[in-house]
Amino acid sequence: MAPTSTPERPTLPRALRRSSLWTFGLLALSALLWTVGLPGSLLVVVTGPATIIFAISALLHTRGVDAVAGIRVWLWIAIAMGGMILLGGIGLILMRGPTEQLEACLDRALTETAKRECQVQYEESYKELLDRYANYGKVTVR
């Protein structure tokens, strides 16, 4: 019997491996930060853009390298996810006040009626915030 040889895996440049590893590590860190609660989860405003930067760097390092089409696809997905993480982080910053008020109210609430009242106050604060930013920049003519 003839010995079977396994096809050699293409070697990736060191810079591509490093940038890809940082990209997916930052995505994992961002997912973890969403679970820790409000003060810690604000760090996604930093990890989102960092993910995008490392993904773009990795994409630049894929130029001239054969057999990396799959990596390129995942890097484009990572860029999109980094953008969504950044937008979510900005949303967290905007909603920080009403969210902290809700948490403080729920900590004080002893009954279900009090908890429902906290939720109503939160929804009112949320609507005020939406109204304020929805009308931001609109010019009124008298």
Protein backbone atom coordinates (compact mmCIF):
# COMPACT_ATOMS: atom_id res chain seq x y z
CA MET A 1 0.00 0.00 0.00
CA ALA A 2 1.20 3.46 -0.82
CA PRO A 3 1.47 5.86 2.10
CA THR A 4 -1.17 8.55 2.07
CA SER A 5 -0.03 12.06 2.52
CA THR A 6 -2.14 14.76 4.03
CA PRO A 7 -2.24 18.03 2.16
CA GLU A 8 -0.22 20.74 3.83
CA ARG A 9 -2.12 23.50 5.50
CA PRO A 10 -1.27 26.92 4.17
CA THR A 11 0.82 28.95 6.55
CA LEU A 12 -0.64 32.26 7.51
CA PRO A 13 1.50 35.33 8.07
CA ARG A 14 2.23 36.08 11.71
CA ALA A 15 0.63 39.54 11.51
CA LEU A 16 -2.60 38.02 10.14
CA ARG A 17 -2.76 35.45 12.92
CA ARG A 18 -2.07 38.07 15.58
CA SER A 19 -4.67 40.55 14.27
CA SER A 20 -7.28 37.81 13.82
CA LEU A 21 -6.69 36.52 17.33
CA TRP A 22 -7.07 40.01 18.78
CA THR A 23 -10.22 40.57 16.72
CA PHE A 24 -11.99 37.47 17.95
CA GLY A 25 -10.65 37.92 21.49
CA LEU A 26 -12.14 41.41 21.60
CA LEU A 27 -15.45 40.06 20.30
CA ALA A 28 -15.47 37.51 23.11
CA LEU A 29 -14.59 40.21 25.65
CA SER A 30 -17.42 42.39 24.34
CA ALA A 31 -19.89 39.54 24.78
CA LEU A 32 -18.64 39.04 28.33
CA LEU A 33 -18.90 42.75 29.12
CA TRP A 34 -22.58 42.81 28.14
CA THR A 35 -23.28 40.36 30.98
CA VAL A 36 -21.49 42.14 33.86
CA GLY A 37 -23.91 45.01 34.40
CA LEU A 38 -23.99 48.72 33.83
CA PRO A 39 -20.67 50.17 34.95
CA GLY A 40 -18.59 47.42 33.38
CA SER A 41 -20.68 47.08 30.26
CA LEU A 42 -19.85 50.66 29.26
CA LEU A 43 -16.42 49.36 28.22
CA VAL A 44 -18.01 48.02 25.03
CA VAL A 45 -17.62 51.56 23.72
CA VAL A 46 -13.88 50.80 23.70
CA THR A 47 -13.93 47.15 22.64
CA GLY A 48 -16.25 47.77 19.65
CA PRO A 49 -13.93 50.19 17.83
CA ALA A 50 -10.88 48.13 18.84
CA THR A 51 -12.49 45.08 17.25
CA ILE A 52 -13.08 47.02 14.05
CA ILE A 53 -9.49 48.29 13.98
CA PHE A 54 -7.97 44.84 14.46
CA ALA A 55 -10.35 43.28 11.90
CA ILE A 56 -9.38 45.89 9.31
CA SER A 57 -5.73 45.29 10.12
CA ALA A 58 -6.22 41.55 9.64
CA LEU A 59 -8.00 42.16 6.34
CA LEU A 60 -5.07 44.22 5.14
CA HIS A 61 -2.73 41.37 6.08
CA THR A 62 -4.76 38.91 3.98
CA ARG A 63 -3.72 40.64 0.75
CA GLY A 64 -1.60 38.33 -1.33
CA VAL A 65 -2.30 35.26 0.84
CA ASP A 66 -3.95 32.29 -0.84
CA ALA A 67 -6.71 30.21 0.72
CA VAL A 68 -7.99 32.78 3.20
CA ALA A 69 -11.42 33.47 1.73
CA GLY A 70 -13.14 32.03 4.81
CA ILE A 71 -11.09 34.20 7.12
CA ARG A 72 -11.98 37.29 5.07
CA VAL A 73 -15.69 36.53 5.39
CA TRP A 74 -15.42 36.15 9.15
CA LEU A 75 -13.40 39.35 9.42
CA TRP A 76 -16.12 41.28 7.55
CA ILE A 77 -18.67 39.79 9.95
CA ALA A 78 -16.45 40.85 12.86
CA ILE A 79 -16.37 44.42 11.50
CA ALA A 80 -20.17 44.46 11.36
CA MET A 81 -20.43 43.03 14.87
CA GLY A 82 -17.93 45.60 16.15
CA GLY A 83 -20.11 48.35 14.67
CA MET A 84 -23.21 46.94 16.34
CA ILE A 85 -21.33 46.66 19.63
CA LEU A 86 -20.30 50.31 19.34
CA LEU A 87 -23.87 51.42 18.62
CA GLY A 88 -25.14 49.35 21.54
CA GLY A 89 -22.55 50.94 23.80
CA ILE A 90 -23.63 54.40 22.74
CA GLY A 91 -27.20 53.37 23.53
CA LEU A 92 -26.06 52.24 26.98
CA ILE A 93 -24.49 55.63 27.59
CA LEU A 94 -27.67 57.43 26.51
CA MET A 95 -29.89 55.17 28.63
CA ARG A 96 -27.61 55.14 31.67
CA GLY A 97 -29.70 57.61 33.71
CA PRO A 98 -33.09 55.89 33.32
CA THR A 99 -31.52 52.45 33.77
CA GLU A 100 -29.78 53.43 37.01
CA GLN A 101 -33.01 55.00 38.27
CA LEU A 102 -34.87 51.77 37.48
CA GLU A 103 -32.31 49.64 39.30
CA ALA A 104 -32.39 51.93 42.36
CA CYS A 105 -36.19 51.92 42.37
CA LEU A 106 -36.38 48.15 42.05
CA ASP A 107 -33.94 47.76 44.96
CA ARG A 108 -36.29 49.82 47.15
CA ALA A 109 -39.51 48.20 45.90
CA LEU A 110 -40.98 45.59 48.22
CA THR A 111 -44.26 44.77 46.52
CA GLU A 112 -45.24 43.88 42.99
CA THR A 113 -47.25 47.12 42.77
CA ALA A 114 -44.14 49.14 43.63
CA LYS A 115 -42.14 47.21 41.03
CA ARG A 116 -44.77 47.96 38.39
CA GLU A 117 -44.62 51.64 39.36
CA CYS A 118 -40.84 51.55 38.88
CA GLN A 119 -41.36 50.08 35.43
CA VAL A 120 -43.89 52.82 34.57
CA GLN A 121 -41.42 55.51 35.69
CA TYR A 122 -38.70 53.88 33.58
CA GLU A 123 -40.93 53.82 30.51
CA GLU A 124 -41.78 57.50 31.01
CA SER A 125 -38.08 58.39 31.30
CA TYR A 126 -37.40 56.32 28.19
CA LYS A 127 -40.11 58.12 26.22
CA GLU A 128 -38.79 61.52 27.36
CA LEU A 129 -35.32 60.56 26.22
CA LEU A 130 -36.63 59.40 22.84
CA ASP A 131 -38.61 62.60 22.40
CA ARG A 132 -35.61 64.73 23.30
CA TYR A 133 -33.29 63.02 20.79
CA ALA A 134 -35.95 62.52 18.13
CA ASN A 135 -36.52 66.27 17.97
CA TYR A 136 -32.84 67.13 18.23
CA GLY A 137 -31.70 69.21 15.30
CA LYS A 138 -35.16 69.89 13.92
CA VAL A 139 -35.81 73.48 13.00
CA THR A 140 -39.15 74.92 13.92
CA VAL A 141 -40.57 77.71 11.78
CA ARG A 142 -42.97 80.16 13.37
